[in-house]
Amino acid sequence: MWISRYVTENSFSKDSASVGVVRAAGGDKVAVSATNEHMSLPVAVPYGIAYKPAVGSRSVVLPTEAGNICLGVLGEACDELQPGELMLYSAGGASIVLKNDGSVLINGRAVQ
């Protein structure tokens, strides 16, 4: 029950997460216009993955004890994926799809 109390007490905090738009990306930092302007946010990513959010993408800014971070960008709808499938894609159109049947598609072509 402490979780519901914590969420209720902190849901309207000025330090809550916000959604904004990536305005610039360079090096390992991004600038995001959200509730406030954030000029130099580190981007949080899973280990082993490196990326820069595309300018114009909708991102999530999250406060932490060490300062604000860009948690990532909001996903886009992808009608060609089934639940459980994964697509990696770039702004230039390259893609890798891991299908539920074990197949892999690179730029739309099956590979073995």
C-alpha atoms as a PDB file:
ATOM      1  CA  MET A   1       0.000   0.000   0.000  1.00  0.00           C
ATOM      2  CA  TRP A   2       2.951   2.321   0.443  1.00  0.00           C
ATOM      3  CA  ILE A   3       3.368   2.384  -3.341  1.00  0.00           C
ATOM      4  CA  SER A   4      -0.098   3.866  -3.943  1.00  0.00           C
ATOM      5  CA  ARG A   5       0.488   6.420  -1.167  1.00  0.00           C
ATOM      6  CA  TYR A   6       3.862   7.372  -2.684  1.00  0.00           C
ATOM      7  CA  VAL A   7       2.407   7.744  -6.184  1.00  0.00           C
ATOM      8  CA  THR A   8      -0.509   9.826  -4.882  1.00  0.00           C
ATOM      9  CA  GLU A   9       1.743  12.116  -2.858  1.00  0.00           C
ATOM     10  CA  ASN A  10       4.254  12.570  -5.679  1.00  0.00           C
ATOM     11  CA  SER A  11       2.076  12.529  -8.798  1.00  0.00           C
ATOM     12  CA  PHE A  12       1.816  16.318  -9.023  1.00  0.00           C
ATOM     13  CA  SER A  13       5.363  17.093  -7.986  1.00  0.00           C
ATOM     14  CA  LYS A  14       7.259  19.695  -9.985  1.00  0.00           C
ATOM     15  CA  ASP A  15       9.988  17.061 -10.246  1.00  0.00           C
ATOM     16  CA  SER A  16       7.902  14.521 -12.161  1.00  0.00           C
ATOM     17  CA  ALA A  17       8.764  13.142 -15.578  1.00  0.00           C
ATOM     18  CA  SER A  18       7.747  15.208 -18.589  1.00  0.00           C
ATOM     19  CA  VAL A  19       7.464  14.698 -22.331  1.00  0.00           C
ATOM     20  CA  GLY A  20       9.232  17.088 -24.667  1.00  0.00           C
ATOM     21  CA  VAL A  21      10.786  17.412 -28.105  1.00  0.00           C
ATOM     22  CA  VAL A  22      14.451  16.823 -28.923  1.00  0.00           C
ATOM     23  CA  ARG A  23      15.816  20.120 -30.299  1.00  0.00           C
ATOM     24  CA  ALA A  24      19.478  19.130 -30.748  1.00  0.00           C
ATOM     25  CA  ALA A  25      21.653  16.026 -30.348  1.00  0.00           C
ATOM     26  CA  GLY A  26      25.423  16.094 -30.220  1.00  0.00           C
ATOM     27  CA  GLY A  27      28.111  14.062 -28.515  1.00  0.00           C
ATOM     28  CA  ASP A  28      26.510  12.168 -25.665  1.00  0.00           C
ATOM     29  CA  LYS A  29      24.001  14.920 -24.749  1.00  0.00           C
ATOM     30  CA  VAL A  30      20.694  16.203 -26.096  1.00  0.00           C
ATOM     31  CA  ALA A  31      18.710  19.424 -25.770  1.00  0.00           C
ATOM     32  CA  VAL A  32      15.015  18.910 -25.019  1.00  0.00           C
ATOM     33  CA  SER A  33      12.112  21.372 -24.830  1.00  0.00           C
ATOM     34  CA  ALA A  34       9.721  19.962 -22.262  1.00  0.00           C
ATOM     35  CA  THR A  35       8.092  21.617 -19.249  1.00  0.00           C
ATOM     36  CA  ASN A  36      11.460  23.403 -19.035  1.00  0.00           C
ATOM     37  CA  GLU A  37      14.289  23.851 -21.509  1.00  0.00           C
ATOM     38  CA  HIS A  38      17.019  21.249 -20.945  1.00  0.00           C
ATOM     39  CA  MET A  39      20.196  22.117 -22.805  1.00  0.00           C
ATOM     40  CA  SER A  40      22.584  19.265 -21.997  1.00  0.00           C
ATOM     41  CA  LEU A  41      20.901  16.049 -20.902  1.00  0.00           C
ATOM     42  CA  PRO A  42      22.618  12.679 -20.855  1.00  0.00           C
ATOM     43  CA  VAL A  43      20.664   9.945 -22.665  1.00  0.00           C
ATOM     44  CA  ALA A  44      19.864   6.761 -20.718  1.00  0.00           C
ATOM     45  CA  VAL A  45      20.171   3.604 -22.833  1.00  0.00           C
ATOM     46  CA  PRO A  46      20.479  -0.120 -22.120  1.00  0.00           C
ATOM     47  CA  TYR A  47      24.044  -1.425 -21.914  1.00  0.00           C
ATOM     48  CA  GLY A  48      25.428  -2.341 -25.316  1.00  0.00           C
ATOM     49  CA  ILE A  49      23.223   0.034 -27.293  1.00  0.00           C
ATOM     50  CA  ALA A  50      24.297   3.452 -28.506  1.00  0.00           C
ATOM     51  CA  TYR A  51      22.018   5.946 -30.183  1.00  0.00           C
ATOM     52  CA  LYS A  52      21.204   9.605 -30.561  1.00  0.00           C
ATOM     53  CA  PRO A  53      17.533  10.536 -30.599  1.00  0.00           C
ATOM     54  CA  ALA A  54      16.458  12.189 -33.835  1.00  0.00           C
ATOM     55  CA  VAL A  55      15.786  15.922 -33.676  1.00  0.00           C
ATOM     56  CA  GLY A  56      12.028  16.400 -33.489  1.00  0.00           C
ATOM     57  CA  SER A  57      11.328  13.101 -31.736  1.00  0.00           C
ATOM     58  CA  ARG A  58       9.203  13.131 -28.585  1.00  0.00           C
ATOM     59  CA  SER A  59      11.335  12.282 -25.574  1.00  0.00           C
ATOM     60  CA  VAL A  60      10.856  11.623 -21.876  1.00  0.00           C
ATOM     61  CA  VAL A  61      12.779  13.756 -19.369  1.00  0.00           C
ATOM     62  CA  LEU A  62      13.143  12.193 -15.933  1.00  0.00           C
ATOM     63  CA  PRO A  63      14.551  13.793 -12.797  1.00  0.00           C
ATOM     64  CA  THR A  64      17.090  11.717 -10.850  1.00  0.00           C
ATOM     65  CA  GLU A  65      19.196  12.324  -7.765  1.00  0.00           C
ATOM     66  CA  ALA A  66      22.102  13.189 -10.096  1.00  0.00           C
ATOM     67  CA  GLY A  67      20.045  15.581 -12.273  1.00  0.00           C
ATOM     68  CA  ASN A  68      17.675  15.245 -15.217  1.00  0.00           C
ATOM     69  CA  ILE A  69      18.177  12.624 -17.927  1.00  0.00           C
ATOM     70  CA  CYS A  70      16.614  11.928 -21.308  1.00  0.00           C
ATOM     71  CA  LEU A  71      15.081   8.518 -20.662  1.00  0.00           C
ATOM     72  CA  GLY A  72      14.477   7.885 -24.360  1.00  0.00           C
ATOM     73  CA  VAL A  73      11.947   8.667 -27.037  1.00  0.00           C
ATOM     74  CA  LEU A  74       8.334   7.627 -27.321  1.00  0.00           C
ATOM     75  CA  GLY A  75       7.880   4.709 -29.685  1.00  0.00           C
ATOM     76  CA  GLU A  76       6.040   5.006 -32.942  1.00  0.00           C
ATOM     77  CA  ALA A  77       3.213   2.706 -33.942  1.00  0.00           C
ATOM     78  CA  CYS A  78       4.366  -0.094 -36.209  1.00  0.00           C
ATOM     79  CA  ASP A  79       1.512  -2.114 -37.684  1.00  0.00           C
ATOM     80  CA  GLU A  80       3.860  -4.651 -39.278  1.00  0.00           C
ATOM     81  CA  LEU A  81       5.067  -5.985 -35.899  1.00  0.00           C
ATOM     82  CA  GLN A  82       3.262  -8.647 -33.900  1.00  0.00           C
ATOM     83  CA  PRO A  83       3.338  -8.609 -30.088  1.00  0.00           C
ATOM     84  CA  GLY A  84       6.750  -9.902 -28.994  1.00  0.00           C
ATOM     85  CA  GLU A  85       8.634  -8.854 -32.140  1.00  0.00           C
ATOM     86  CA  LEU A  86      11.435  -6.284 -32.180  1.00  0.00           C
ATOM     87  CA  MET A  87      12.549  -3.759 -34.791  1.00  0.00           C
ATOM     88  CA  LEU A  88      15.727  -1.691 -34.783  1.00  0.00           C
ATOM     89  CA  TYR A  89      15.612   1.145 -37.294  1.00  0.00           C
ATOM     90  CA  SER A  90      17.445   4.303 -38.249  1.00  0.00           C
ATOM     91  CA  ALA A  91      16.256   7.676 -39.496  1.00  0.00           C
ATOM     92  CA  GLY A  92      17.723   6.758 -42.897  1.00  0.00           C
ATOM     93  CA  GLY A  93      15.400   3.787 -43.333  1.00  0.00           C
ATOM     94  CA  ALA A  94      17.661   0.838 -42.412  1.00  0.00           C
ATOM     95  CA  SER A  95      15.938  -1.795 -40.256  1.00  0.00           C
ATOM     96  CA  ILE A  96      16.446  -5.146 -38.570  1.00  0.00           C
ATOM     97  CA  VAL A  97      13.374  -7.109 -37.472  1.00  0.00           C
ATOM     98  CA  LEU A  98      13.448 -10.095 -35.113  1.00  0.00           C
ATOM     99  CA  LYS A  99      10.297 -12.114 -35.852  1.00  0.00           C
ATOM    100  CA  ASN A 100       8.432 -14.436 -33.488  1.00  0.00           C
ATOM    101  CA  ASP A 101       9.052 -17.394 -35.796  1.00  0.00           C
ATOM    102  CA  GLY A 102      12.833 -16.985 -35.346  1.00  0.00           C
ATOM    103  CA  SER A 103      13.452 -15.331 -38.691  1.00  0.00           C
ATOM    104  CA  VAL A 104      15.426 -12.109 -39.097  1.00  0.00           C
ATOM    105  CA  LEU A 105      14.662  -9.437 -41.680  1.00  0.00           C
ATOM    106  CA  ILE A 106      17.294  -6.905 -42.674  1.00  0.00           C
ATOM    107  CA  ASN A 107      15.845  -4.044 -44.696  1.00  0.00           C
ATOM    108  CA  GLY A 108      12.802  -6.235 -45.365  1.00  0.00           C
ATOM    109  CA  ARG A 109      14.732  -9.274 -46.637  1.00  0.00           C
ATOM    110  CA  ALA A 110      14.947 -12.545 -44.744  1.00  0.00           C
ATOM    111  CA  VAL A 111      18.463 -13.654 -43.776  1.00  0.00           C
ATOM    112  CA  GLN A 112      19.649 -17.012 -42.541  1.00  0.00           C
END
